[in-house]
Amino acid sequence: MRTRHLPEDATCVIASLNHDGSGVGHCDGKVVFVDGALPGEEVRFRYVGRRRRYDTGAVREILVRSAKRVEARCAHFGVCGGCQLQHLEPTAQLAAKEGIVREAFAHIAQVDCADWAPPVTGPVFAYRRKARLGARVVDKKGGLLLGFRERRHSYIAPLSYCHTLDARLGAHLADVKALIAGLSCPEAIPQVEFAAGDDAAALVVRHLRDLTAADLRALSAFGETQGLAMHVQAGGPETVQHVGGPSLVLHYALPEFAVDLTFGPTDFIQVNGETNKAMVAQAVDWLGLETSSRVLDLFCGLGNFTLPIARHAASVFGIEGAPALVDKARRNARANDLDNATFAVADLDADTLGDVLAERPFDAALLDPPRTGAMAAVKALAGRGVPRLVYVSCNPATLARDAQWLVHKGGYRLRRAGVVDMFPQTHHVEAMALFTRDA
């Protein structure tokens, strides 16, 4: 971003929030994105960068304050990139996120949704049960830094406490920092990963150099003291090893469906446990299941949606691109005594996905893709004539892109949509959409 010859401070009125949490205003006939500003506010800001089509800035002074502004709970807010919206009260965060999804449907998909469901919500603090924290030794800043990246920078924001993390880690960041700093090679520890289930939690220490026997003893002792299963990781996921602390099984329950899922410390799970319970319940409801329903679950992972669906359908077929996750999904199905859930490994971005689905009729399908979306999958589903689709998205832009194809080329209608607040206090927007197709 060009930063030379920046203008003097300026003032503007903020009209809305951008997808990254910055305020959107206009100054001298040009769009400006202002960090720390909220809709309805008039702010004085300093320029941070200039582009041909827009400028960026940061708040210097709030001249007119929004009634929705609150004091951020975290002392690191504004520097740490982990949160962007702690200064906006929670209901206003939800309204802003719904606005982003509505705008994506209107401008990208060019479709309208008349039925908006209430937001799916959960706790707004101490909810994050999965996290990766960066670690870096910076002598000029006092040694080891541990935390998320700084906002708009690659630097590590040193954290002493995190209010969004599960308290089993968030309240003990200083202890973890001291642990890593005391190892034989703190400069070779780039990352620490945290994972928590309902009654157990784990830390994974990634290392680029062999750890000593003393290091392993220190990790084990820390795990025993903190009640954390301690792991090390020298390479890919297959190199994760338990090295001390309690030998705990990570799991979480979905009581409404009498389902309990186990997972590994580096496996993907939804980060907000309570929100996930409500999201799964809504997805199953929107699928409109009957005891005879045959359901397809794409991007099924460990079976987060698959197994609850199996409780209410005749059969469910889960497909995932990662063989290790499919193996764990099968184990989860067996552990829950579900014999009507089957799984397969397939490339869900391939044009040949339709061949995988051949000869299998489905009454409904659920998709929970990564941020890149599911264009190949929606085309395959339309080609198979699946009449009902529930799409769970972590990226409004690719949801809208796929919705555009489903509605304008696939013969579907967007029946219902709503926000899923998986990451409160952040700019991350998740949504759920229901598409139906007449026979």
Protein backbone atom coordinates (compact mmCIF):
# COMPACT_ATOMS: atom_id res chain seq x y z
CA MET A 1 0.00 0.00 0.00
CA ARG A 2 1.36 3.42 -0.90
CA THR A 3 2.14 5.48 2.20
CA ARG A 4 4.34 8.29 0.86
CA HIS A 5 3.11 11.89 0.88
CA LEU A 6 0.08 11.17 3.04
CA PRO A 7 -2.33 14.08 3.55
CA GLU A 8 -2.93 15.78 6.87
CA ASP A 9 -5.59 14.43 9.22
CA ALA A 10 -9.14 14.73 7.93
CA THR A 11 -12.72 14.23 9.13
CA CYS A 12 -15.55 12.12 7.74
CA VAL A 13 -18.90 10.60 8.65
CA ILE A 14 -19.00 6.81 8.77
CA ALA A 15 -21.87 5.25 6.82
CA SER A 16 -21.33 1.51 7.34
CA LEU A 17 -18.89 -1.24 8.27
CA ASN A 18 -16.58 -2.87 5.75
CA HIS A 19 -16.16 -6.66 5.70
CA ASP A 20 -12.91 -6.29 7.66
CA GLY A 21 -14.54 -4.32 10.48
CA SER A 22 -13.33 -0.88 9.45
CA GLY A 23 -15.72 2.04 9.08
CA VAL A 24 -16.64 3.18 5.58
CA GLY A 25 -16.80 6.90 4.87
CA HIS A 26 -16.09 9.43 2.15
CA CYS A 27 -13.55 12.20 2.15
CA ASP A 28 -12.83 14.55 -0.75
CA GLY A 29 -15.04 12.43 -3.00
CA LYS A 30 -13.15 9.22 -2.25
CA VAL A 31 -13.98 6.15 -0.18
CA VAL A 32 -11.95 5.83 3.00
CA PHE A 33 -11.82 2.80 5.32
CA VAL A 34 -11.15 3.93 8.89
CA ASP A 35 -10.04 1.46 11.55
CA GLY A 36 -11.80 1.99 14.87
CA ALA A 37 -14.75 3.93 13.46
CA LEU A 38 -18.41 2.92 13.67
CA PRO A 39 -21.47 3.70 11.54
CA GLY A 40 -23.09 7.00 12.45
CA GLU A 41 -19.91 8.47 13.89
CA GLU A 42 -18.05 11.53 12.75
CA VAL A 43 -14.34 11.00 13.25
CA ARG A 44 -11.05 12.74 12.73
CA PHE A 45 -8.61 10.24 11.27
CA ARG A 46 -5.03 9.97 10.15
CA TYR A 47 -4.28 8.59 6.73
CA VAL A 48 -2.53 5.22 6.74
CA GLY A 49 -2.42 4.50 3.02
CA ARG A 50 -3.68 5.70 -0.34
CA ARG A 51 -4.83 3.78 -3.39
CA ARG A 52 -6.29 4.95 -6.64
CA ARG A 53 -9.84 3.95 -5.71
CA TYR A 54 -9.78 4.25 -1.91
CA ASP A 55 -7.81 5.41 1.11
CA THR A 56 -7.25 3.85 4.53
CA GLY A 57 -7.03 5.51 7.88
CA ALA A 58 -7.19 5.12 11.66
CA VAL A 59 -9.25 7.07 14.16
CA ARG A 60 -7.56 9.98 15.90
CA GLU A 61 -10.63 11.42 17.63
CA ILE A 62 -14.34 10.61 17.78
CA LEU A 63 -16.25 13.83 17.20
CA VAL A 64 -19.74 12.31 17.22
CA ARG A 65 -20.04 9.02 19.10
CA SER A 66 -22.28 6.12 18.11
CA ALA A 67 -24.83 5.00 20.69
CA LYS A 68 -23.74 1.45 19.85
CA ARG A 69 -20.13 2.03 20.88
CA VAL A 70 -18.94 0.23 24.01
CA GLU A 71 -15.63 0.09 25.81
CA ALA A 72 -13.55 -2.82 24.59
CA ARG A 73 -12.99 -5.37 27.33
CA CYS A 74 -9.47 -6.26 26.18
CA ALA A 75 -6.48 -4.00 26.76
CA HIS A 76 -4.91 -5.35 23.56
CA PHE A 77 -7.86 -4.32 21.37
CA GLY A 78 -6.85 -2.14 18.45
CA VAL A 79 -3.37 -3.65 18.23
CA CYS A 80 -4.14 -7.39 18.29
CA GLY A 81 -5.69 -8.65 15.08
CA GLY A 82 -7.68 -11.36 16.84
CA CYS A 83 -10.71 -9.09 17.31
CA GLN A 84 -12.00 -6.15 15.29
CA LEU A 85 -15.41 -5.38 16.81
CA GLN A 86 -15.08 -5.31 20.59
CA HIS A 87 -15.99 -1.61 20.49
CA LEU A 88 -19.42 -2.41 18.98
CA GLU A 89 -22.17 -3.84 21.18
CA PRO A 90 -23.09 -7.44 20.32
CA THR A 91 -26.55 -6.90 18.81
CA ALA A 92 -25.12 -4.24 16.54
CA GLN A 93 -22.38 -6.66 15.49
CA LEU A 94 -25.08 -9.11 14.43
CA ALA A 95 -26.95 -6.44 12.49
CA ALA A 96 -23.75 -5.43 10.70
CA LYS A 97 -22.94 -9.03 9.80
CA GLU A 98 -26.43 -9.64 8.47
CA GLY A 99 -26.04 -6.47 6.41
CA ILE A 100 -22.86 -7.86 4.85
CA VAL A 101 -24.66 -11.09 3.86
CA ARG A 102 -27.66 -9.16 2.50
CA GLU A 103 -25.38 -6.93 0.45
CA ALA A 104 -23.50 -9.94 -0.93
CA PHE A 105 -26.76 -11.56 -2.06
CA ALA A 106 -27.97 -8.32 -3.62
CA HIS A 107 -24.81 -7.22 -5.42
CA ILE A 108 -22.98 -10.47 -6.19
CA ALA A 109 -25.79 -13.01 -6.49
CA GLN A 110 -28.45 -10.51 -7.60
CA VAL A 111 -31.04 -12.42 -5.61
CA ASP A 112 -33.38 -11.38 -2.84
CA CYS A 113 -34.20 -13.31 0.32
CA ALA A 114 -37.56 -12.48 1.86
CA ASP A 115 -37.24 -14.77 4.89
CA TRP A 116 -34.40 -13.90 7.27
CA ALA A 117 -33.99 -16.15 10.27
CA PRO A 118 -32.90 -14.74 13.65
CA PRO A 119 -29.13 -14.95 14.14
CA VAL A 120 -27.72 -18.17 15.58
CA THR A 121 -25.79 -17.06 18.65
CA GLY A 122 -23.85 -18.29 21.64
CA PRO A 123 -21.42 -16.80 24.18
CA VAL A 124 -19.60 -13.69 23.02
CA PHE A 125 -16.53 -14.09 25.25
CA ALA A 126 -14.46 -17.11 26.38
CA TYR A 127 -15.95 -19.10 23.52
CA ARG A 128 -12.97 -19.92 21.33
CA ARG A 129 -12.02 -23.58 21.75
CA LYS A 130 -9.55 -23.71 18.83
CA ALA A 131 -6.73 -21.25 18.20
CA ARG A 132 -3.27 -20.95 16.73
CA LEU A 133 -0.98 -18.45 18.41
CA GLY A 134 2.22 -17.21 16.83
CA ALA A 135 5.47 -17.21 18.75
CA ARG A 136 8.58 -15.19 17.97
CA VAL A 137 11.70 -14.08 19.82
CA VAL A 138 12.21 -10.34 19.39
CA ASP A 139 15.04 -9.12 21.57
CA LYS A 140 14.14 -5.44 21.06
CA LYS A 141 10.70 -6.17 22.53
CA GLY A 142 11.91 -8.09 25.54
CA GLY A 143 12.28 -11.62 24.22
CA LEU A 144 9.54 -14.09 23.35
CA LEU A 145 6.24 -12.75 22.01
CA LEU A 146 3.16 -14.97 22.04
CA GLY A 147 -0.19 -14.03 20.55
CA PHE A 148 -2.20 -13.38 17.41
CA ARG A 149 -0.90 -11.24 14.57
CA GLU A 150 -1.23 -7.49 14.88
CA ARG A 151 -4.03 -5.86 12.94
CA ARG A 152 -2.83 -5.26 9.37
CA HIS A 153 0.72 -6.40 10.23
CA SER A 154 2.64 -9.66 10.35
CA TYR A 155 4.09 -8.80 13.77
CA ILE A 156 3.05 -10.80 16.82
CA ALA A 157 0.87 -8.89 19.26
CA PRO A 158 2.12 -9.99 22.70
CA LEU A 159 -0.88 -11.04 24.77
CA SER A 160 -1.10 -11.37 28.53
CA TYR A 161 -4.74 -12.46 28.44
CA CYS A 162 -7.37 -13.17 25.77
CA HIS A 163 -11.06 -12.68 26.52
CA THR A 164 -12.30 -14.61 23.48
CA LEU A 165 -10.25 -17.75 24.14
CA ASP A 166 -11.57 -20.55 26.31
CA ALA A 167 -10.38 -19.65 29.79
CA ARG A 168 -8.31 -22.85 29.97
CA LEU A 169 -5.89 -21.00 27.69
CA GLY A 170 -6.99 -17.36 27.68
CA ALA A 171 -6.30 -16.89 31.37
CA HIS A 172 -2.90 -18.62 31.21
CA LEU A 173 -1.14 -17.03 28.25
CA ALA A 174 1.59 -15.61 30.49
CA ASP A 175 2.28 -19.13 31.80
CA VAL A 176 2.46 -20.56 28.27
CA LYS A 177 4.79 -17.75 27.25
CA ALA A 178 7.10 -18.50 30.19
CA LEU A 179 7.05 -22.19 29.27
CA ILE A 180 8.08 -21.59 25.65
CA ALA A 181 10.67 -18.97 26.62
CA GLY A 182 12.27 -21.48 28.98
CA LEU A 183 12.80 -24.19 26.35
CA SER A 184 16.19 -24.78 24.80
CA CYS A 185 15.16 -23.31 21.43
CA PRO A 186 12.36 -20.72 21.80
CA GLU A 187 13.47 -19.14 18.53
CA ALA A 188 12.56 -22.42 16.78
CA ILE A 189 8.98 -22.49 18.15
CA PRO A 190 6.85 -20.68 15.54
CA GLN A 191 3.39 -21.61 16.78
CA VAL A 192 1.32 -23.02 19.61
CA GLU A 193 -2.07 -24.58 18.87
CA PHE A 194 -4.85 -24.93 21.43
CA ALA A 195 -7.83 -27.26 21.25
CA ALA A 196 -10.54 -27.80 23.84
CA GLY A 197 -13.39 -30.24 24.13
CA ASP A 198 -16.17 -30.40 26.67
CA ASP A 199 -13.99 -31.61 29.54
CA ALA A 200 -10.42 -31.72 28.24
CA ALA A 201 -7.97 -29.41 26.50
CA ALA A 202 -4.64 -29.76 24.72
CA LEU A 203 -1.66 -27.73 23.57
CA VAL A 204 0.42 -28.54 20.50
CA VAL A 205 3.90 -26.99 20.36
CA ARG A 206 5.28 -26.79 16.83
CA HIS A 207 9.07 -26.91 16.67
CA LEU A 208 11.60 -26.51 13.87
CA ARG A 209 14.48 -27.99 15.85
CA ASP A 210 14.70 -31.15 17.93
CA LEU A 211 13.62 -30.65 21.52
CA THR A 212 15.82 -31.87 24.35
CA ALA A 213 14.88 -34.34 27.05
CA ALA A 214 14.71 -31.40 29.47
CA ASP A 215 12.30 -29.62 27.12
CA LEU A 216 10.01 -32.63 27.04
CA ARG A 217 10.08 -32.89 30.84
CA ALA A 218 9.17 -29.20 31.10
CA LEU A 219 6.25 -29.65 28.71
CA SER A 220 5.02 -32.69 30.58
CA ALA A 221 5.23 -30.96 33.96
CA PHE A 222 3.35 -27.95 32.59
CA GLY A 223 0.61 -30.21 31.31
CA GLU A 224 0.24 -31.92 34.67
CA THR A 225 0.06 -28.58 36.47
CA GLN A 226 -2.42 -27.00 34.06
CA GLY A 227 -4.44 -30.11 33.28
CA LEU A 228 -3.52 -29.93 29.58
CA ALA A 229 -2.59 -32.78 27.28
CA MET A 230 0.75 -31.66 25.84
CA HIS A 231 1.80 -32.48 22.28
CA VAL A 232 4.70 -31.62 20.01
CA GLN A 233 4.67 -31.36 16.23
CA ALA A 234 7.84 -31.44 14.12
CA GLY A 235 6.16 -31.49 10.69
CA GLY A 236 2.77 -32.31 9.24
CA PRO A 237 -0.27 -33.50 11.23
CA GLU A 238 1.08 -37.05 11.22
CA THR A 239 4.01 -35.94 13.41
CA VAL A 240 1.86 -34.83 16.37
CA GLN A 241 2.90 -36.74 19.50
CA HIS A 242 1.58 -36.69 23.03
CA VAL A 243 4.52 -35.98 25.34
CA GLY A 244 2.98 -35.45 28.74
CA GLY A 245 0.24 -34.13 30.89
CA PRO A 246 -2.98 -36.13 31.21
CA SER A 247 -3.80 -38.59 28.44
CA LEU A 248 -7.13 -37.03 27.62
CA VAL A 249 -9.60 -37.73 24.83
CA LEU A 250 -10.90 -34.55 23.21
CA HIS A 251 -14.60 -34.73 22.50
CA TYR A 252 -17.77 -32.65 22.41
CA ALA A 253 -21.41 -33.61 22.72
CA LEU A 254 -24.47 -32.57 20.76
CA PRO A 255 -27.05 -33.57 23.39
CA GLU A 256 -30.11 -32.74 21.30
CA PHE A 257 -29.07 -35.55 18.94
CA ALA A 258 -27.52 -37.93 21.48
CA VAL A 259 -24.22 -37.64 19.62
CA ASP A 260 -20.69 -37.36 20.97
CA LEU A 261 -17.73 -36.70 18.65
CA THR A 262 -14.05 -37.24 19.36
CA PHE A 263 -11.34 -35.28 17.60
CA GLY A 264 -7.59 -34.76 17.58
CA PRO A 265 -5.84 -31.58 18.80
CA THR A 266 -5.12 -30.39 15.24
CA ASP A 267 -8.43 -31.45 13.67
CA PHE A 268 -10.88 -28.85 12.43
CA ILE A 269 -13.88 -28.26 14.65
CA GLN A 270 -16.25 -25.30 14.91
CA VAL A 271 -14.67 -22.90 17.39
CA ASN A 272 -17.76 -21.83 19.31
CA GLY A 273 -19.25 -24.89 20.96
CA GLU A 274 -22.62 -23.45 22.01
CA THR A 275 -23.14 -21.70 18.69
CA ASN A 276 -22.27 -24.95 16.93
CA LYS A 277 -25.01 -26.79 18.84
CA ALA A 278 -27.59 -24.22 17.73
CA MET A 279 -26.25 -24.17 14.16
CA VAL A 280 -26.48 -27.95 13.80
CA ALA A 281 -30.03 -27.91 15.16
CA GLN A 282 -31.08 -25.23 12.69
CA ALA A 283 -29.43 -27.01 9.75
CA VAL A 284 -31.20 -30.28 10.57
CA ASP A 285 -34.49 -28.40 10.86
CA TRP A 286 -34.00 -26.61 7.53
CA LEU A 287 -33.26 -29.91 5.79
CA GLY A 288 -36.88 -30.87 6.43
CA LEU A 289 -36.03 -34.48 7.20
CA GLU A 290 -38.39 -37.42 7.30
CA THR A 291 -37.62 -40.95 8.44
CA SER A 292 -37.31 -41.94 4.76
CA SER A 293 -34.96 -39.08 3.80
CA ARG A 294 -31.70 -39.84 1.98
CA VAL A 295 -29.21 -37.06 2.70
CA LEU A 296 -25.83 -36.01 1.35
CA ASP A 297 -23.34 -34.16 3.57
CA LEU A 298 -20.51 -32.53 1.62
CA PHE A 299 -17.33 -31.32 3.39
CA CYS A 300 -18.46 -33.53 6.27
CA GLY A 301 -15.25 -33.45 8.31
CA LEU A 302 -15.53 -35.45 11.54
CA GLY A 303 -19.30 -35.83 11.16
CA ASN A 304 -20.44 -32.64 12.92
CA PHE A 305 -23.60 -32.51 10.79
CA THR A 306 -23.57 -36.07 9.45
CA LEU A 307 -24.23 -37.87 12.71
CA PRO A 308 -27.07 -35.60 13.89
CA ILE A 309 -28.66 -35.98 10.45
CA ALA A 310 -28.37 -39.75 10.78
CA ARG A 311 -30.55 -39.62 13.90
CA HIS A 312 -33.45 -38.23 11.82
CA ALA A 313 -32.99 -39.70 8.33
CA ALA A 314 -33.02 -43.08 6.66
CA SER A 315 -29.43 -42.64 5.48
CA VAL A 316 -26.73 -40.01 5.16
CA PHE A 317 -23.67 -40.11 2.91
CA GLY A 318 -20.76 -37.92 4.02
CA ILE A 319 -17.97 -36.88 1.66
CA GLU A 320 -14.72 -35.21 2.71
CA GLY A 321 -11.45 -34.54 0.92
CA ALA A 322 -9.15 -35.51 3.80
CA PRO A 323 -8.82 -39.29 4.32
CA ALA A 324 -7.81 -38.88 7.97
CA LEU A 325 -11.01 -36.98 8.74
CA VAL A 326 -13.12 -39.59 6.96
CA ASP A 327 -11.52 -42.31 9.08
CA LYS A 328 -12.41 -40.35 12.22
CA ALA A 329 -15.95 -39.72 10.98
CA ARG A 330 -16.41 -43.47 10.51
CA ARG A 331 -15.09 -44.11 14.02
CA ASN A 332 -17.45 -41.48 15.41
CA ALA A 333 -20.39 -43.11 13.63
CA ARG A 334 -19.50 -46.52 15.07
CA ALA A 335 -19.00 -45.09 18.55
CA ASN A 336 -22.50 -43.58 18.37
CA ASP A 337 -24.05 -46.81 17.07
CA LEU A 338 -25.08 -45.22 13.78
CA ASP A 339 -25.08 -47.72 10.94
CA ASN A 340 -26.97 -45.49 8.49
CA ALA A 341 -24.07 -43.05 8.03
CA THR A 342 -21.51 -43.92 5.34
CA PHE A 343 -18.52 -41.94 4.19
CA ALA A 344 -16.21 -41.53 1.22
CA VAL A 345 -13.12 -39.55 0.26
CA ALA A 346 -13.43 -37.38 -2.84
CA ASP A 347 -12.11 -34.14 -4.30
CA LEU A 348 -15.02 -31.78 -3.69
CA ASP A 349 -13.56 -29.15 -6.00
CA ALA A 350 -13.30 -31.52 -8.99
CA ASP A 351 -15.62 -31.44 -11.98
CA THR A 352 -15.91 -35.22 -11.63
CA LEU A 353 -17.79 -34.99 -8.33
CA GLY A 354 -21.02 -35.79 -10.15
CA ASP A 355 -19.59 -39.20 -11.03
CA VAL A 356 -19.10 -39.95 -7.31
CA LEU A 357 -22.78 -39.21 -6.71
CA ALA A 358 -24.05 -41.25 -9.65
CA GLU A 359 -26.66 -43.88 -8.93
CA ARG A 360 -27.29 -42.38 -5.47
CA PRO A 361 -30.59 -40.49 -5.16
CA PHE A 362 -30.78 -37.79 -2.49
CA ASP A 363 -33.72 -35.91 -1.04
CA ALA A 364 -31.58 -33.19 0.55
CA ALA A 365 -27.99 -32.10 0.87
CA LEU A 366 -25.92 -30.05 3.28
CA LEU A 367 -22.72 -28.22 2.32
CA ASP A 368 -20.21 -26.72 4.76
CA PRO A 369 -17.29 -25.72 2.52
CA PRO A 370 -14.13 -23.72 3.29
CA ARG A 371 -13.83 -20.04 2.40
CA THR A 372 -13.28 -20.87 -1.28
CA GLY A 373 -16.89 -22.02 -1.56
CA ALA A 374 -18.41 -24.99 -3.35
CA MET A 375 -18.99 -24.21 -7.02
CA ALA A 376 -18.17 -27.72 -8.26
CA ALA A 377 -20.39 -29.20 -5.58
CA VAL A 378 -23.43 -27.03 -6.31
CA LYS A 379 -23.15 -27.86 -10.00
CA ALA A 380 -23.01 -31.56 -9.18
CA LEU A 381 -26.03 -31.28 -6.88
CA ALA A 382 -28.03 -29.39 -9.48
CA GLY A 383 -27.06 -32.00 -12.05
CA ARG A 384 -28.41 -34.72 -9.77
CA GLY A 385 -31.62 -32.76 -9.20
CA VAL A 386 -31.31 -32.68 -5.40
CA PRO A 387 -34.41 -30.73 -4.39
CA ARG A 388 -33.31 -29.17 -1.09
CA LEU A 389 -29.92 -27.70 -0.17
CA VAL A 390 -28.71 -26.20 3.11
CA TYR A 391 -25.49 -24.24 2.59
CA VAL A 392 -23.38 -23.29 5.62
CA SER A 393 -20.81 -20.66 4.68
CA CYS A 394 -17.86 -18.90 6.33
CA ASN A 395 -17.49 -16.44 3.44
CA PRO A 396 -20.44 -14.31 2.27
CA ALA A 397 -18.74 -13.55 -1.06
CA THR A 398 -18.38 -17.17 -2.16
CA LEU A 399 -21.82 -18.02 -0.73
CA ALA A 400 -23.27 -15.28 -2.92
CA ARG A 401 -21.26 -16.42 -5.94
CA ASP A 402 -22.56 -19.97 -5.55
CA ALA A 403 -26.08 -18.68 -4.86
CA GLN A 404 -25.96 -16.74 -8.12
CA TRP A 405 -25.29 -19.95 -10.05
CA LEU A 406 -27.89 -21.96 -8.12
CA VAL A 407 -30.62 -19.38 -8.69
CA HIS A 408 -29.85 -18.11 -12.17
CA LYS A 409 -28.58 -21.33 -13.74
CA GLY A 410 -29.39 -24.23 -11.44
CA GLY A 411 -33.12 -23.71 -11.12
CA TYR A 412 -33.15 -23.14 -7.34
CA ARG A 413 -34.81 -20.50 -5.19
CA LEU A 414 -33.23 -18.87 -2.14
CA ARG A 415 -35.86 -19.58 0.48
CA ARG A 416 -34.28 -18.54 3.74
CA ALA A 417 -31.03 -17.18 5.14
CA GLY A 418 -29.52 -16.11 8.43
CA VAL A 419 -26.30 -15.22 10.19
CA VAL A 420 -24.41 -17.71 12.36
CA ASP A 421 -22.26 -15.80 14.86
CA MET A 422 -19.44 -18.29 15.22
CA PHE A 423 -16.79 -15.59 15.92
CA PRO A 424 -18.23 -12.79 18.10
CA GLN A 425 -16.06 -9.68 18.47
CA THR A 426 -14.48 -10.36 15.07
CA HIS A 427 -15.29 -9.42 11.48
CA HIS A 428 -15.72 -13.07 10.48
CA VAL A 429 -19.21 -13.67 9.09
CA GLU A 430 -20.83 -17.08 8.84
CA ALA A 431 -24.24 -17.69 7.36
CA MET A 432 -26.72 -20.40 6.50
CA ALA A 433 -28.93 -20.45 3.42
CA LEU A 434 -31.73 -22.74 2.25
CA PHE A 435 -32.25 -23.38 -1.45
CA THR A 436 -35.13 -25.40 -2.88
CA ARG A 437 -35.88 -26.62 -6.35
CA ASP A 438 -39.34 -27.55 -7.59
CA ALA A 439 -39.69 -31.00 -9.08
